[in-house]
Each structure stands twice: as structure tokens, then as C-alpha cells.
Amino acid sequence: MSTNPELIRLCKVWDRLVGELFRMELYSDEDFEALKCKMEGDEAELRVGSAPGHLTRVNLRDGSLEYYDEDEVVNEAVKKLMEDRAKAKCEFMVEEAEGEEYVYGVRCEDVKDLEGAFKVLAFTTSMDIRMGDPSEWYGPKFEKLDGECKIEDPAEREVCAVNKLLKKLEERLK
């Protein structure tokens, strides 16, 4: 089965942004080395980090996306970004284990802006470590973000950072 040309284009968009974010030193080396986008037909599987199972599945045929991550605060940021940037309808993927529920990712349907989704996916890499120590990754005074996004809530702070950086980088990546 041949790969959908639109999927090839979207993986190239993701790859260019991944390169820019790596040059900005916003990824751990280990996470960066694990990144790849495998495509077949209308489906892509993106490895978005070094942790086992840290991946995303995209299906162009039905406009769906599944992002897998066990870090709840990362899932909060990804859900908000996918709803805003990809114009998607998203929900947390929840599983019950030993009588407790836990979130293991985000499922989005009716993804209207697939390019926006692939751009968001570039930012998911190392998101957990950036959230854990934002001054280390964005600078003590958030210099990489022009001093913006000093927000207490880690998910909201990362959403702000992604939006700020995308605005800055989209001009460069045209």
C-alpha cells in the first residue's frame, strides 16, 4: 500500500519543527534520538520520546489521533493544544487498575487541522522535563519566550510556551 502524499507532507512538517526545537535545546538528547515517523497508507505512527510506548497514532482516513503518555499534566497540555491548534474533539484515555482510574493518553477525533496536530506533536517530546524545570529549558527569565509564560500551573505554562514558540517559529519554517 502506498503512503498518502499528505501524510508524507505532514511528517516533513513535524520533522522540520523537531529539528528547530532540538537546535533550541528544548529536547533531551535521549528523547531526540528516539524520534521517528513511520507511515503506511493513511496511517502514521510517531515515536515522540524515549520512554517505551511514548508514541502517537494518526489516521488520516477517519481524522483521528491517539497520543500515549502516562504523565497526567502532559496529557492536560496536549489535550488543550490539540483542541486549540488542531481544532479537534479530544478526551483523556482512561483505564482502571486496582480500583483506581488513571489517564494513559489523549484521543482526538474530527481533527480539522492535521498540520496543527503534527506541530503540537513536535512539542510533546521532552514536555515532561520542560514542565518539571522550566527555567532550565526556557531560561531563568524565560528568555527563549521573550519573558512570557511565567505561569504557576505547569500545563497552562507549557501551553503558553508552545503557542509562543510556534508563533515565533512558523515564520521561520515557511
Protein backbone atom coordinates (compact mmCIF):
# COMPACT_ATOMS: atom_id res chain seq x y z
CA MET A 1 0.00 0.00 0.00
CA SER A 2 1.44 3.38 -0.97
CA THR A 3 1.69 6.19 1.55
CA ASN A 4 -0.74 9.08 1.30
CA PRO A 5 1.22 12.13 -0.02
CA GLU A 6 -0.49 14.37 2.55
CA LEU A 7 0.87 12.16 5.33
CA ILE A 8 4.37 12.46 3.89
CA ARG A 9 4.00 16.25 3.87
CA LEU A 10 2.75 16.28 7.47
CA CYS A 11 5.65 14.14 8.69
CA LYS A 12 8.03 16.57 6.96
CA VAL A 13 6.35 19.48 8.79
CA TRP A 14 6.84 17.59 12.07
CA ASP A 15 10.45 16.73 11.20
CA ARG A 16 11.40 20.35 10.37
CA LEU A 17 9.92 21.58 13.64
CA VAL A 18 11.64 18.78 15.57
CA GLY A 19 14.95 19.98 14.11
CA GLU A 20 14.29 23.55 15.19
CA LEU A 21 13.30 22.54 18.72
CA PHE A 22 16.41 20.38 19.04
CA ARG A 23 18.60 23.30 17.89
CA MET A 24 16.88 25.44 20.55
CA GLU A 25 17.91 22.78 23.10
CA LEU A 26 14.32 22.01 24.12
CA TYR A 27 14.76 18.21 23.96
CA SER A 28 16.86 15.81 25.94
CA ASP A 29 19.38 14.07 23.68
CA GLU A 30 17.92 10.66 24.54
CA ASP A 31 14.39 11.75 23.57
CA PHE A 32 15.61 13.33 20.33
CA GLU A 33 17.45 10.19 19.22
CA ALA A 34 14.27 8.11 19.56
CA LEU A 35 12.11 10.29 17.28
CA LYS A 36 10.71 8.90 14.04
CA CYS A 37 7.61 8.99 11.88
CA LYS A 38 6.58 5.67 10.28
CA MET A 39 3.92 5.89 7.57
CA GLU A 40 1.84 3.44 5.61
CA GLY A 41 -1.24 4.24 3.58
CA ASP A 42 -3.30 6.75 5.55
CA GLU A 43 -1.75 5.96 8.93
CA ALA A 44 1.31 7.22 10.77
CA GLU A 45 2.95 6.18 13.99
CA LEU A 46 5.20 8.81 15.53
CA ARG A 47 7.70 7.96 18.23
CA VAL A 48 7.64 11.11 20.36
CA GLY A 49 10.07 10.25 23.15
CA SER A 50 12.46 7.68 24.53
CA ALA A 51 10.09 6.08 27.06
CA PRO A 52 8.64 2.73 25.94
CA GLY A 53 5.24 3.27 24.37
CA HIS A 54 5.65 7.05 24.09
CA LEU A 55 4.07 7.36 20.67
CA THR A 56 1.18 8.75 18.70
CA ARG A 57 -1.00 7.13 16.07
CA VAL A 58 -2.66 9.26 13.40
CA ASN A 59 -5.27 8.05 10.93
CA LEU A 60 -6.00 10.43 8.03
CA ARG A 61 -8.91 8.30 6.81
CA ASP A 62 -11.05 8.98 9.87
CA GLY A 63 -9.28 12.14 11.13
CA SER A 64 -8.29 10.58 14.46
CA LEU A 65 -5.23 10.75 16.67
CA GLU A 66 -4.17 8.83 19.78
CA TYR A 67 -1.35 10.22 21.93
CA TYR A 68 0.03 7.84 24.58
CA ASP A 69 1.63 9.16 27.77
CA GLU A 70 1.12 8.29 31.42
CA ASP A 71 2.02 11.77 32.71
CA GLU A 72 -1.29 13.40 33.59
CA VAL A 73 -0.10 17.01 33.45
CA VAL A 74 1.42 16.41 29.99
CA ASN A 75 -1.89 14.93 28.84
CA GLU A 76 -3.69 18.04 30.10
CA ALA A 77 -1.43 20.27 27.99
CA VAL A 78 -1.65 18.01 24.92
CA LYS A 79 -5.46 17.87 25.11
CA LYS A 80 -5.74 21.66 25.29
CA LEU A 81 -3.21 22.18 22.48
CA MET A 82 -4.92 19.64 20.21
CA GLU A 83 -8.31 21.23 20.82
CA ASP A 84 -6.94 24.72 20.15
CA ARG A 85 -4.33 24.13 17.43
CA ALA A 86 -5.75 21.08 15.64
CA LYS A 87 -9.42 22.06 16.13
CA ALA A 88 -10.09 18.52 17.39
CA LYS A 89 -12.55 16.94 19.78
CA CYS A 90 -10.38 15.31 22.44
CA GLU A 91 -10.82 13.24 25.57
CA PHE A 92 -8.48 11.59 28.03
CA MET A 93 -7.93 7.87 27.58
CA VAL A 94 -8.65 6.37 30.99
CA GLU A 95 -8.05 2.89 32.33
CA GLU A 96 -8.94 1.32 35.64
CA ALA A 97 -6.31 -0.65 37.54
CA GLU A 98 -6.57 -1.94 41.08
CA GLY A 99 -9.75 0.03 41.68
CA GLU A 100 -8.28 3.35 40.55
CA GLU A 101 -8.54 5.21 37.27
CA TYR A 102 -5.52 6.65 35.55
CA VAL A 103 -5.04 8.61 32.36
CA TYR A 104 -2.77 6.99 29.78
CA GLY A 105 -3.16 9.42 26.90
CA VAL A 106 -5.38 11.62 24.77
CA ARG A 107 -7.69 10.52 21.96
CA CYS A 108 -8.80 13.10 19.42
CA GLU A 109 -11.42 12.76 16.72
CA ASP A 110 -12.56 15.04 13.96
CA VAL A 111 -9.09 16.59 13.71
CA LYS A 112 -9.71 19.53 11.37
CA ASP A 113 -6.15 20.92 11.24
CA LEU A 114 -3.78 17.99 10.79
CA GLU A 115 -0.80 20.27 10.23
CA GLY A 116 -1.55 21.92 13.56
CA ALA A 117 -1.72 18.46 15.18
CA PHE A 118 1.69 17.45 13.78
CA LYS A 119 3.18 20.72 15.03
CA VAL A 120 1.81 20.06 18.52
CA LEU A 121 3.27 16.54 18.39
CA ALA A 122 6.75 18.01 17.85
CA PHE A 123 6.39 19.78 21.20
CA THR A 124 5.32 16.67 23.13
CA THR A 125 8.90 15.40 23.13
CA SER A 126 10.60 16.21 26.47
CA MET A 127 7.48 18.13 27.54
CA ASP A 128 7.51 16.42 30.94
CA ILE A 129 11.06 17.51 31.73
CA ARG A 130 10.45 21.06 30.48
CA MET A 131 7.40 21.24 32.75
CA GLY A 132 9.42 19.94 35.69
CA ASP A 133 12.14 22.58 35.39
CA PRO A 134 11.01 25.36 33.04
CA SER A 135 13.77 27.81 33.95
CA GLU A 136 16.39 25.21 32.91
CA TRP A 137 14.79 24.77 29.49
CA TYR A 138 13.38 28.23 28.74
CA GLY A 139 15.96 30.27 30.66
CA PRO A 140 15.80 31.72 34.19
CA LYS A 141 13.84 34.71 32.92
CA PHE A 142 12.13 32.76 30.14
CA GLU A 143 14.45 34.37 27.60
CA LYS A 144 13.54 31.82 24.91
CA LEU A 145 9.95 33.03 25.30
CA ASP A 146 10.77 36.75 25.49
CA GLY A 147 9.99 36.75 29.21
CA GLU A 148 6.44 35.46 28.79
CA CYS A 149 4.64 32.42 30.18
CA LYS A 150 5.65 32.68 33.83
CA ILE A 151 2.51 30.85 34.89
CA GLU A 152 2.23 28.75 38.06
CA ASP A 153 0.17 25.88 36.59
CA PRO A 154 2.61 23.63 34.64
CA ALA A 155 0.11 22.59 31.95
CA GLU A 156 -1.02 26.16 31.29
CA ARG A 157 2.61 27.34 31.31
CA GLU A 158 3.56 24.75 28.69
CA VAL A 159 0.51 25.60 26.54
CA CYS A 160 1.60 29.24 26.66
CA ALA A 161 5.19 28.27 25.79
CA VAL A 162 4.14 26.10 22.84
CA ASN A 163 1.87 28.82 21.45
CA LYS A 164 4.58 31.46 21.87
CA LEU A 165 7.28 29.32 20.23
CA LEU A 166 5.03 28.20 17.39
CA LYS A 167 4.19 31.80 16.58
CA LYS A 168 7.90 32.59 16.53
CA LEU A 169 8.93 29.50 14.52
CA GLU A 170 6.13 29.36 11.97
CA GLU A 171 7.59 32.36 10.15
CA ARG A 172 10.99 30.66 10.00
CA LEU A 173 9.60 27.34 8.77
CA LYS A 174 7.61 28.66 5.79
